[in-house]
Amino acid sequence: MDTLTIQISNSKALKLIEDMEALNLIKVIKPASKKPKKNLSALLAGSITKKQADKFHTELKQMREGWERDTY
């Protein structure tokens, strides 16, 4: 079984392809739409306030300092 990519230049050709698909001679596979992906930072920009971000940063810093201390 081969997979081909074709460009249809005539609406009559599309009808023929649809007819061949109806007869189970071929299967039309539509390409997945390719949306440009946004960076995660762009998606999350503005989702929290500057004050919240500063609070999270402070808490994260405290947690990291807790990991670095000697426990024994």
Protein backbone atom coordinates (compact mmCIF):
# COMPACT_ATOMS: atom_id res chain seq x y z
CA MET A 1 0.00 0.00 0.00
CA ASP A 2 1.38 3.38 -1.00
CA THR A 3 0.59 6.80 0.40
CA LEU A 4 0.52 9.70 -2.04
CA THR A 5 0.06 13.41 -1.66
CA ILE A 6 -1.84 15.02 -4.50
CA GLN A 7 -2.90 18.52 -5.39
CA ILE A 8 -6.38 18.80 -6.85
CA SER A 9 -6.59 21.33 -9.66
CA ASN A 10 -10.17 20.71 -10.71
CA SER A 11 -13.39 20.27 -8.70
CA LYS A 12 -14.36 17.35 -10.95
CA ALA A 13 -11.25 15.52 -9.82
CA LEU A 14 -12.36 15.91 -6.21
CA LYS A 15 -15.68 14.29 -7.06
CA LEU A 16 -13.86 11.37 -8.69
CA ILE A 17 -11.70 10.94 -5.60
CA GLU A 18 -14.77 10.98 -3.36
CA ASP A 19 -16.39 8.36 -5.59
CA MET A 20 -13.30 6.14 -5.39
CA GLU A 21 -13.36 6.48 -1.62
CA ALA A 22 -17.05 5.49 -1.57
CA LEU A 23 -16.13 2.34 -3.53
CA ASN A 24 -13.41 1.56 -0.95
CA LEU A 25 -10.72 1.83 -3.59
CA ILE A 26 -8.85 4.53 -1.72
CA LYS A 27 -8.92 6.20 1.66
CA VAL A 28 -8.62 9.97 1.91
CA ILE A 29 -6.48 11.05 4.85
CA LYS A 30 -6.73 14.72 5.65
CA PRO A 31 -3.56 16.27 7.00
CA ALA A 32 -3.60 17.47 10.58
CA SER A 33 -3.79 21.21 10.79
CA LYS A 34 -0.47 22.65 11.83
CA LYS A 35 -0.99 25.55 14.15
CA PRO A 36 2.09 27.46 15.13
CA LYS A 37 2.99 26.50 18.67
CA LYS A 38 3.36 29.26 21.18
CA ASN A 39 6.04 29.21 23.82
CA LEU A 40 4.81 28.25 27.25
CA SER A 41 5.97 31.61 28.55
CA ALA A 42 3.80 33.36 25.95
CA LEU A 43 0.78 31.28 26.96
CA LEU A 44 1.24 32.02 30.66
CA ALA A 45 2.24 35.67 30.37
CA GLY A 46 0.03 37.80 32.58
CA SER A 47 -1.64 34.84 34.28
CA ILE A 48 -0.43 35.94 37.72
CA THR A 49 0.34 39.34 39.14
CA LYS A 50 3.83 40.63 39.85
CA LYS A 51 3.06 40.47 43.58
CA GLN A 52 2.07 36.79 43.35
CA ALA A 53 5.17 36.00 41.29
CA ASP A 54 7.41 37.64 43.88
CA LYS A 55 5.72 35.65 46.66
CA PHE A 56 6.18 32.37 44.75
CA HIS A 57 9.82 33.22 44.07
CA THR A 58 10.45 33.92 47.77
CA GLU A 59 8.78 30.66 48.84
CA LEU A 60 10.73 28.69 46.22
CA LYS A 61 13.98 30.20 47.42
CA GLN A 62 13.13 29.20 51.03
CA MET A 63 12.34 25.63 49.93
CA ARG A 64 15.62 25.35 48.06
CA GLU A 65 17.55 26.59 51.08
CA GLY A 66 15.83 23.88 53.14
CA TRP A 67 17.11 21.20 50.77
CA GLU A 68 20.69 22.42 51.00
CA ARG A 69 21.06 22.32 54.80
CA ASP A 70 22.71 19.40 56.55
CA THR A 71 20.14 17.04 58.05
CA TYR A 72 22.54 14.73 59.90
